[in-house]
Structures are given as structure tokens and as C-alpha cells.
Amino acid sequence: NQYSIPEINHRLKNYMKFLFVREPFERLVS
């Protein structure tokens, strides 16, 4: 969110994007 719109779009298009997830209720209890 600290980049300009064109910079954001460039990065979303070209960079490797990843996230980590967890069983939703286990995450909630945690």
C-alpha cells in the first residue's frame, strides 16, 4: 500500500506472491 498504483500493478503482475493458511478454527482458538 506504500506504492503508487502503477507500481502496485507492476509488482502484482511480476513478483512471486505467496501466503500461508491454517485450519480456520485452530487459528481462531490460537
PDB file of all heavy atoms in Angstrom:
ATOM      1  N   ASN A   1       0.819  -1.224   0.000  1.00  0.00           N
ATOM      2  CA  ASN A   1       0.000   0.000   0.000  1.00  0.00           C
ATOM      3  C   ASN A   1       0.845   1.262   0.000  1.00  0.00           C
ATOM      4  O   ASN A   1       0.321   2.357  -0.144  1.00  0.00           O
ATOM      5  CB  ASN A   1      -0.962   0.004   1.195  1.00  0.00           C
ATOM      6  CG  ASN A   1      -0.245  -0.104   2.521  1.00  0.00           C
ATOM      7  OD1 ASN A   1       0.889  -0.572   2.595  1.00  0.00           O
ATOM      8  ND2 ASN A   1      -0.889   0.340   3.582  1.00  0.00           N
ATOM      9  N   GLN A   2       2.167   1.132   0.139  1.00  0.00           N
ATOM     10  CA  GLN A   2       3.031   2.321   0.154  1.00  0.00           C
ATOM     11  C   GLN A   2       3.503   2.722  -1.242  1.00  0.00           C
ATOM     12  O   GLN A   2       4.255   3.679  -1.388  1.00  0.00           O
ATOM     13  CB  GLN A   2       4.249   2.062   1.058  1.00  0.00           C
ATOM     14  CG  GLN A   2       3.861   1.821   2.513  1.00  0.00           C
ATOM     15  CD  GLN A   2       5.011   1.266   3.352  1.00  0.00           C
ATOM     16  OE1 GLN A   2       6.145   1.160   2.892  1.00  0.00           O
ATOM     17  NE2 GLN A   2       4.717   0.900   4.584  1.00  0.00           N
ATOM     18  N   TYR A   3       3.032   2.000  -2.248  1.00  0.00           N
ATOM     19  CA  TYR A   3       3.465   2.296  -3.623  1.00  0.00           C
ATOM     20  C   TYR A   3       2.382   3.028  -4.401  1.00  0.00           C
ATOM     21  O   TYR A   3       1.220   3.045  -3.986  1.00  0.00           O
ATOM     22  CB  TYR A   3       3.796   0.988  -4.354  1.00  0.00           C
ATOM     23  CG  TYR A   3       5.009   0.255  -3.828  1.00  0.00           C
ATOM     24  CD1 TYR A   3       4.904  -0.583  -2.729  1.00  0.00           C
ATOM     25  CD2 TYR A   3       6.254   0.396  -4.436  1.00  0.00           C
ATOM     26  CE1 TYR A   3       6.018  -1.273  -2.244  1.00  0.00           C
ATOM     27  CE2 TYR A   3       7.368  -0.287  -3.969  1.00  0.00           C
ATOM     28  CZ  TYR A   3       7.243  -1.116  -2.869  1.00  0.00           C
ATOM     29  OH  TYR A   3       8.342  -1.790  -2.400  1.00  0.00           O
ATOM     30  N   SER A   4       2.777   3.583  -5.534  1.00  0.00           N
ATOM     31  CA  SER A   4       1.782   4.218  -6.406  1.00  0.00           C
ATOM     32  C   SER A   4       1.000   3.125  -7.145  1.00  0.00           C
ATOM     33  O   SER A   4       1.454   1.987  -7.227  1.00  0.00           O
ATOM     34  CB  SER A   4       2.489   5.099  -7.445  1.00  0.00           C
ATOM     35  OG  SER A   4       3.185   4.266  -8.364  1.00  0.00           O
ATOM     36  N   ILE A   5      -0.145   3.495  -7.696  1.00  0.00           N
ATOM     37  CA  ILE A   5      -0.993   2.498  -8.383  1.00  0.00           C
ATOM     38  C   ILE A   5      -0.228   1.766  -9.503  1.00  0.00           C
ATOM     39  O   ILE A   5      -0.241   0.541  -9.554  1.00  0.00           O
ATOM     40  CB  ILE A   5      -2.297   3.141  -8.935  1.00  0.00           C
ATOM     41  CG1 ILE A   5      -3.096   3.814  -7.806  1.00  0.00           C
ATOM     42  CG2 ILE A   5      -3.156   2.098  -9.646  1.00  0.00           C
ATOM     43  CD1 ILE A   5      -3.740   2.897  -6.774  1.00  0.00           C
ATOM     44  N   PRO A   6       0.474   2.481 -10.396  1.00  0.00           N
ATOM     45  CA  PRO A   6       1.228   1.753 -11.430  1.00  0.00           C
ATOM     46  C   PRO A   6       2.270   0.803 -10.831  1.00  0.00           C
ATOM     47  O   PRO A   6       2.456  -0.309 -11.318  1.00  0.00           O
ATOM     48  CB  PRO A   6       1.912   2.866 -12.231  1.00  0.00           C
ATOM     49  CG  PRO A   6       1.147   4.103 -11.933  1.00  0.00           C
ATOM     50  CD  PRO A   6       0.567   3.939 -10.562  1.00  0.00           C
ATOM     51  N   GLU A   7       2.936   1.244  -9.756  1.00  0.00           N
ATOM     52  CA  GLU A   7       3.949   0.395  -9.119  1.00  0.00           C
ATOM     53  C   GLU A   7       3.297  -0.842  -8.489  1.00  0.00           C
ATOM     54  O   GLU A   7       3.843  -1.944  -8.542  1.00  0.00           O
ATOM     55  CB  GLU A   7       4.690   1.170  -8.019  1.00  0.00           C
ATOM     56  CG  GLU A   7       5.636   2.242  -8.539  1.00  0.00           C
ATOM     57  CD  GLU A   7       6.207   3.118  -7.416  1.00  0.00           C
ATOM     58  OE1 GLU A   7       5.519   3.332  -6.388  1.00  0.00           O
ATOM     59  OE2 GLU A   7       7.349   3.578  -7.570  1.00  0.00           O
ATOM     60  N   ILE A   8       2.141  -0.630  -7.881  1.00  0.00           N
ATOM     61  CA  ILE A   8       1.407  -1.753  -7.277  1.00  0.00           C
ATOM     62  C   ILE A   8       1.076  -2.770  -8.365  1.00  0.00           C
ATOM     63  O   ILE A   8       1.334  -3.968  -8.226  1.00  0.00           O
ATOM     64  CB  ILE A   8       0.103  -1.265  -6.598  1.00  0.00           C
ATOM     65  CG1 ILE A   8       0.425  -0.487  -5.316  1.00  0.00           C
ATOM     66  CG2 ILE A   8      -0.823  -2.449  -6.290  1.00  0.00           C
ATOM     67  CD1 ILE A   8      -0.784   0.186  -4.661  1.00  0.00           C
ATOM     68  N   ASN A   9       0.508  -2.300  -9.469  1.00  0.00           N
ATOM     69  CA  ASN A   9       0.102  -3.201 -10.550  1.00  0.00           C
ATOM     70  C   ASN A   9       1.292  -3.954 -11.131  1.00  0.00           C
ATOM     71  O   ASN A   9       1.211  -5.146 -11.414  1.00  0.00           O
ATOM     72  CB  ASN A   9      -0.637  -2.431 -11.645  1.00  0.00           C
ATOM     73  CG  ASN A   9      -2.024  -2.010 -11.169  1.00  0.00           C
ATOM     74  OD1 ASN A   9      -2.625  -2.683 -10.329  1.00  0.00           O
ATOM     75  ND2 ASN A   9      -2.521  -0.892 -11.675  1.00  0.00           N
ATOM     76  N   HIS A  10       2.394  -3.252 -11.288  1.00  0.00           N
ATOM     77  CA  HIS A  10       3.601  -3.883 -11.831  1.00  0.00           C
ATOM     78  C   HIS A  10       4.041  -5.035 -10.915  1.00  0.00           C
ATOM     79  O   HIS A  10       4.354  -6.135 -11.376  1.00  0.00           O
ATOM     80  CB  HIS A  10       4.731  -2.862 -11.960  1.00  0.00           C
ATOM     81  CG  HIS A  10       6.049  -3.496 -12.259  1.00  0.00           C
ATOM     82  ND1 HIS A  10       6.393  -3.955 -13.513  1.00  0.00           N
ATOM     83  CD2 HIS A  10       7.107  -3.802 -11.445  1.00  0.00           C
ATOM     84  CE1 HIS A  10       7.610  -4.500 -13.466  1.00  0.00           C
ATOM     85  NE2 HIS A  10       8.060  -4.425 -12.238  1.00  0.00           N
ATOM     86  N   ARG A  11       4.057  -4.770  -9.613  1.00  0.00           N
ATOM     87  CA  ARG A  11       4.516  -5.801  -8.664  1.00  0.00           C
ATOM     88  C   ARG A  11       3.547  -6.981  -8.575  1.00  0.00           C
ATOM     89  O   ARG A  11       3.961  -8.128  -8.507  1.00  0.00           O
ATOM     90  CB  ARG A  11       4.763  -5.162  -7.296  1.00  0.00           C
ATOM     91  CG  ARG A  11       6.098  -4.414  -7.267  1.00  0.00           C
ATOM     92  CD  ARG A  11       6.196  -3.359  -6.186  1.00  0.00           C
ATOM     93  NE  ARG A  11       7.464  -2.636  -6.312  1.00  0.00           N
ATOM     94  CZ  ARG A  11       7.735  -1.750  -7.272  1.00  0.00           C
ATOM     95  NH1 ARG A  11       6.803  -1.472  -8.194  1.00  0.00           N
ATOM     96  NH2 ARG A  11       8.908  -1.147  -7.318  1.00  0.00           N
ATOM     97  N   LEU A  12       2.249  -6.663  -8.583  1.00  0.00           N
ATOM     98  CA  LEU A  12       1.267  -7.754  -8.519  1.00  0.00           C
ATOM     99  C   LEU A  12       1.377  -8.650  -9.750  1.00  0.00           C
ATOM    100  O   LEU A  12       1.133  -9.845  -9.688  1.00  0.00           O
ATOM    101  CB  LEU A  12      -0.147  -7.191  -8.403  1.00  0.00           C
ATOM    102  CG  LEU A  12      -0.557  -6.697  -7.007  1.00  0.00           C
ATOM    103  CD1 LEU A  12      -1.953  -6.098  -7.046  1.00  0.00           C
ATOM    104  CD2 LEU A  12      -0.506  -7.828  -5.976  1.00  0.00           C
ATOM    105  N   LYS A  13       1.757  -8.047 -10.863  1.00  0.00           N
ATOM    106  CA  LYS A  13       1.822  -8.809 -12.102  1.00  0.00           C
ATOM    107  C   LYS A  13       3.121  -9.628 -12.191  1.00  0.00           C
ATOM    108  O   LYS A  13       3.122 -10.753 -12.689  1.00  0.00           O
ATOM    109  CB  LYS A  13       1.740  -7.825 -13.278  1.00  0.00           C
ATOM    110  CG  LYS A  13       1.490  -8.484 -14.594  1.00  0.00           C
ATOM    111  CD  LYS A  13       1.161  -7.460 -15.671  1.00  0.00           C
ATOM    112  CE  LYS A  13       1.411  -8.120 -17.015  1.00  0.00           C
ATOM    113  NZ  LYS A  13       2.109  -7.281 -17.966  1.00  0.00           N
ATOM    114  N   ASN A  14       4.206  -9.060 -11.683  1.00  0.00           N
ATOM    115  CA  ASN A  14       5.516  -9.668 -11.950  1.00  0.00           C
ATOM    116  C   ASN A  14       6.203 -10.364 -10.779  1.00  0.00           C
ATOM    117  O   ASN A  14       7.095 -11.167 -10.989  1.00  0.00           O
ATOM    118  CB  ASN A  14       6.466  -8.603 -12.516  1.00  0.00           C
ATOM    119  CG  ASN A  14       5.956  -8.067 -13.844  1.00  0.00           C
ATOM    120  OD1 ASN A  14       5.895  -8.796 -14.825  1.00  0.00           O
ATOM    121  ND2 ASN A  14       5.543  -6.810 -13.855  1.00  0.00           N
ATOM    122  N   TYR A  15       5.816 -10.049  -9.560  1.00  0.00           N
ATOM    123  CA  TYR A  15       6.515 -10.644  -8.415  1.00  0.00           C
ATOM    124  C   TYR A  15       5.896 -11.992  -8.033  1.00  0.00           C
ATOM    125  O   TYR A  15       4.733 -12.259  -8.331  1.00  0.00           O
ATOM    126  CB  TYR A  15       6.454  -9.706  -7.195  1.00  0.00           C
ATOM    127  CG  TYR A  15       7.389  -8.513  -7.266  1.00  0.00           C
ATOM    128  CD1 TYR A  15       7.948  -8.098  -8.487  1.00  0.00           C
ATOM    129  CD2 TYR A  15       7.698  -7.788  -6.131  1.00  0.00           C
ATOM    130  CE1 TYR A  15       8.798  -6.997  -8.547  1.00  0.00           C
ATOM    131  CE2 TYR A  15       8.551  -6.686  -6.180  1.00  0.00           C
ATOM    132  CZ  TYR A  15       9.099  -6.296  -7.390  1.00  0.00           C
ATOM    133  OH  TYR A  15       9.937  -5.215  -7.450  1.00  0.00           O
ATOM    134  N   MET A  16       6.688 -12.823  -7.365  1.00  0.00           N
ATOM    135  CA  MET A  16       6.176 -14.096  -6.850  1.00  0.00           C
ATOM    136  C   MET A  16       5.383 -13.811  -5.575  1.00  0.00           C
ATOM    137  O   MET A  16       5.903 -13.229  -4.631  1.00  0.00           O
ATOM    138  CB  MET A  16       7.348 -15.034  -6.543  1.00  0.00           C
ATOM    139  CG  MET A  16       6.923 -16.362  -5.971  1.00  0.00           C
ATOM    140  SD  MET A  16       8.316 -17.521  -5.859  1.00  0.00           S
ATOM    141  CE  MET A  16       8.891 -17.188  -4.196  1.00  0.00           C
ATOM    142  N   LYS A  17       4.119 -14.222  -5.583  1.00  0.00           N
ATOM    143  CA  LYS A  17       3.237 -13.887  -4.454  1.00  0.00           C
ATOM    144  C   LYS A  17       2.869 -15.149  -3.674  1.00  0.00           C
ATOM    145  O   LYS A  17       2.535 -16.159  -4.285  1.00  0.00           O
ATOM    146  CB  LYS A  17       1.967 -13.210  -4.974  1.00  0.00           C
ATOM    147  CG  LYS A  17       2.255 -11.897  -5.702  1.00  0.00           C
ATOM    148  CD  LYS A  17       1.034 -11.333  -6.395  1.00  0.00           C
ATOM    149  CE  LYS A  17       0.546 -12.166  -7.554  1.00  0.00           C
ATOM    150  NZ  LYS A  17       1.536 -12.325  -8.643  1.00  0.00           N
ATOM    151  N   PHE A  18       2.944 -15.060  -2.340  1.00  0.00           N
ATOM    152  CA  PHE A  18       2.607 -16.243  -1.549  1.00  0.00           C
ATOM    153  C   PHE A  18       1.958 -15.858  -0.225  1.00  0.00           C
ATOM    154  O   PHE A  18       2.056 -14.713   0.233  1.00  0.00           O
ATOM    155  CB  PHE A  18       3.859 -17.112  -1.306  1.00  0.00           C
ATOM    156  CG  PHE A  18       4.898 -16.483  -0.417  1.00  0.00           C
ATOM    157  CD1 PHE A  18       4.951 -16.788   0.944  1.00  0.00           C
ATOM    158  CD2 PHE A  18       5.843 -15.590  -0.930  1.00  0.00           C
ATOM    159  CE1 PHE A  18       5.920 -16.225   1.772  1.00  0.00           C
ATOM    160  CE2 PHE A  18       6.814 -15.017  -0.103  1.00  0.00           C
ATOM    161  CZ  PHE A  18       6.850 -15.342   1.248  1.00  0.00           C
ATOM    162  N   LEU A  19       1.264 -16.815   0.366  1.00  0.00           N
ATOM    163  CA  LEU A  19       0.658 -16.627   1.690  1.00  0.00           C
ATOM    164  C   LEU A  19       0.650 -17.969   2.399  1.00  0.00           C
ATOM    165  O   LEU A  19       0.867 -19.014   1.777  1.00  0.00           O
ATOM    166  CB  LEU A  19      -0.750 -16.051   1.591  1.00  0.00           C
ATOM    167  CG  LEU A  19      -1.901 -16.989   1.217  1.00  0.00           C
ATOM    168  CD1 LEU A  19      -3.227 -16.333   1.560  1.00  0.00           C
ATOM    169  CD2 LEU A  19      -1.888 -17.300  -0.255  1.00  0.00           C
ATOM    170  N   PHE A  20       0.411 -17.927   3.708  1.00  0.00           N
ATOM    171  CA  PHE A  20       0.296 -19.157   4.499  1.00  0.00           C
ATOM    172  C   PHE A  20      -1.054 -19.190   5.179  1.00  0.00           C
ATOM    173  O   PHE A  20      -1.534 -18.171   5.680  1.00  0.00           O
ATOM    174  CB  PHE A  20       1.422 -19.248   5.541  1.00  0.00           C
ATOM    175  CG  PHE A  20       2.662 -19.866   4.971  1.00  0.00           C
ATOM    176  CD1 PHE A  20       3.497 -19.115   4.156  1.00  0.00           C
ATOM    177  CD2 PHE A  20       2.963 -21.196   5.193  1.00  0.00           C
ATOM    178  CE1 PHE A  20       4.624 -19.683   3.582  1.00  0.00           C
ATOM    179  CE2 PHE A  20       4.084 -21.778   4.621  1.00  0.00           C
ATOM    180  CZ  PHE A  20       4.917 -21.028   3.822  1.00  0.00           C
ATOM    181  N   VAL A  21      -1.665 -20.377   5.184  1.00  0.00           N
ATOM    182  CA  VAL A  21      -3.000 -20.519   5.763  1.00  0.00           C
ATOM    183  C   VAL A  21      -2.978 -21.614   6.824  1.00  0.00           C
ATOM    184  O   VAL A  21      -2.026 -22.386   6.917  1.00  0.00           O
ATOM    185  CB  VAL A  21      -4.049 -20.847   4.665  1.00  0.00           C
ATOM    186  CG1 VAL A  21      -4.107 -19.740   3.628  1.00  0.00           C
ATOM    187  CG2 VAL A  21      -3.735 -22.190   3.985  1.00  0.00           C
ATOM    188  N   ARG A  22      -4.049 -21.675   7.602  1.00  0.00           N
ATOM    189  CA  ARG A  22      -4.138 -22.636   8.699  1.00  0.00           C
ATOM    190  C   ARG A  22      -5.598 -23.036   8.871  1.00  0.00           C
ATOM    191  O   ARG A  22      -6.493 -22.282   8.489  1.00  0.00           O
ATOM    192  CB  ARG A  22      -3.635 -21.938   9.980  1.00  0.00           C
ATOM    193  CG  ARG A  22      -3.621 -22.803  11.224  1.00  0.00           C
ATOM    194  CD  ARG A  22      -3.035 -22.003  12.385  1.00  0.00           C
ATOM    195  NE  ARG A  22      -2.869 -22.813  13.585  1.00  0.00           N
ATOM    196  CZ  ARG A  22      -2.348 -22.364  14.718  1.00  0.00           C
ATOM    197  NH1 ARG A  22      -1.946 -21.115  14.797  1.00  0.00           N
ATOM    198  NH2 ARG A  22      -2.237 -23.175  15.757  1.00  0.00           N
ATOM    199  N   GLU A  23      -5.836 -24.186   9.436  1.00  0.00           N
ATOM    200  CA  GLU A  23      -7.212 -24.626   9.687  1.00  0.00           C
ATOM    201  C   GLU A  23      -7.930 -23.485  10.423  1.00  0.00           C
ATOM    202  O   GLU A  23      -7.462 -23.028  11.463  1.00  0.00           O
ATOM    203  CB  GLU A  23      -7.173 -25.896  10.544  1.00  0.00           C
ATOM    204  CG  GLU A  23      -8.406 -26.754  10.445  1.00  0.00           C
ATOM    205  CD  GLU A  23      -9.586 -26.258  11.288  1.00  0.00           C
ATOM    206  OE1 GLU A  23      -9.378 -25.518  12.271  1.00  0.00           O
ATOM    207  OE2 GLU A  23     -10.714 -26.630  10.967  1.00  0.00           O
ATOM    208  N   PRO A  24      -9.042 -22.974   9.876  1.00  0.00           N
ATOM    209  CA  PRO A  24      -9.615 -21.717  10.384  1.00  0.00           C
ATOM    210  C   PRO A  24      -9.972 -21.714  11.870  1.00  0.00           C
ATOM    211  O   PRO A  24      -9.718 -20.722  12.562  1.00  0.00           O
ATOM    212  CB  PRO A  24     -10.867 -21.523   9.522  1.00  0.00           C
ATOM    213  CG  PRO A  24     -10.554 -22.230   8.247  1.00  0.00           C
ATOM    214  CD  PRO A  24      -9.723 -23.415   8.631  1.00  0.00           C
ATOM    215  N   PHE A  25     -10.527 -22.804  12.382  1.00  0.00           N
ATOM    216  CA  PHE A  25     -10.928 -22.785  13.794  1.00  0.00           C
ATOM    217  C   PHE A  25      -9.736 -22.973  14.723  1.00  0.00           C
ATOM    218  O   PHE A  25      -9.729 -22.493  15.842  1.00  0.00           O
ATOM    219  CB  PHE A  25     -12.023 -23.831  14.055  1.00  0.00           C
ATOM    220  CG  PHE A  25     -13.375 -23.397  13.536  1.00  0.00           C
ATOM    221  CD1 PHE A  25     -14.447 -24.284  13.507  1.00  0.00           C
ATOM    222  CD2 PHE A  25     -13.582 -22.098  13.083  1.00  0.00           C
ATOM    223  CE1 PHE A  25     -15.701 -23.880  13.033  1.00  0.00           C
ATOM    224  CE2 PHE A  25     -14.826 -21.684  12.604  1.00  0.00           C
ATOM    225  CZ  PHE A  25     -15.883 -22.572  12.574  1.00  0.00           C
ATOM    226  N   GLU A  26      -8.716 -23.684  14.235  1.00  0.00           N
ATOM    227  CA  GLU A  26      -7.497 -23.811  15.033  1.00  0.00           C
ATOM    228  C   GLU A  26      -6.834 -22.430  15.135  1.00  0.00           C
ATOM    229  O   GLU A  26      -6.340 -22.039  16.196  1.00  0.00           O
ATOM    230  CB  GLU A  26      -6.563 -24.814  14.355  1.00  0.00           C
ATOM    231  CG  GLU A  26      -5.494 -25.358  15.269  1.00  0.00           C
ATOM    232  CD  GLU A  26      -4.617 -26.375  14.560  1.00  0.00           C
ATOM    233  OE1 GLU A  26      -5.075 -27.504  14.297  1.00  0.00           O
ATOM    234  OE2 GLU A  26      -3.467 -26.012  14.243  1.00  0.00           O
ATOM    235  N   ARG A  27      -6.849 -21.709  14.036  1.00  0.00           N
ATOM    236  CA  ARG A  27      -6.277 -20.356  14.046  1.00  0.00           C
ATOM    237  C   ARG A  27      -7.083 -19.455  14.995  1.00  0.00           C
ATOM    238  O   ARG A  27      -6.517 -18.641  15.736  1.00  0.00           O
ATOM    239  CB  ARG A  27      -6.294 -19.784  12.617  1.00  0.00           C
ATOM    240  CG  ARG A  27      -5.832 -18.349  12.544  1.00  0.00           C
ATOM    241  CD  ARG A  27      -5.718 -17.795  11.138  1.00  0.00           C
ATOM    242  NE  ARG A  27      -5.619 -16.356  11.200  1.00  0.00           N
ATOM    243  CZ  ARG A  27      -6.512 -15.512  10.700  1.00  0.00           C
ATOM    244  NH1 ARG A  27      -7.573 -15.961  10.042  1.00  0.00           N
ATOM    245  NH2 ARG A  27      -6.348 -14.212  10.844  1.00  0.00           N
ATOM    246  N   LEU A  28      -8.403 -19.634  14.989  1.00  0.00           N
ATOM    247  CA  LEU A  28      -9.277 -18.821  15.835  1.00  0.00           C
ATOM    248  C   LEU A  28      -9.019 -19.078  17.323  1.00  0.00           C
ATOM    249  O   LEU A  28      -8.906 -18.143  18.121  1.00  0.00           O
ATOM    250  CB  LEU A  28     -10.740 -19.122  15.494  1.00  0.00           C
ATOM    251  CG  LEU A  28     -11.786 -18.188  16.072  1.00  0.00           C
ATOM    252  CD1 LEU A  28     -11.619 -16.785  15.515  1.00  0.00           C
ATOM    253  CD2 LEU A  28     -13.194 -18.706  15.763  1.00  0.00           C
ATOM    254  N   VAL A  29      -8.915 -20.344  17.681  1.00  0.00           N
ATOM    255  CA  VAL A  29      -8.638 -20.692  19.081  1.00  0.00           C
ATOM    256  C   VAL A  29      -7.252 -20.184  19.472  1.00  0.00           C
ATOM    257  O   VAL A  29      -7.044 -19.673  20.573  1.00  0.00           O
ATOM    258  CB  VAL A  29      -8.760 -22.230  19.299  1.00  0.00           C
ATOM    259  CG1 VAL A  29      -8.193 -22.633  20.657  1.00  0.00           C
ATOM    260  CG2 VAL A  29     -10.223 -22.653  19.199  1.00  0.00           C
ATOM    261  N   SER A  30      -6.313 -20.277  18.565  1.00  0.00           N
ATOM    262  CA  SER A  30      -4.974 -19.773  18.820  1.00  0.00           C
ATOM    263  C   SER A  30      -5.009 -18.264  19.098  1.00  0.00           C
ATOM    264  O   SER A  30      -4.374 -17.770  20.031  1.00  0.00           O
ATOM    265  CB  SER A  30      -4.080 -20.072  17.611  1.00  0.00           C
ATOM    266  OG  SER A  30      -2.809 -19.503  17.796  1.00  0.00           O
TER     267      SER A  30
END
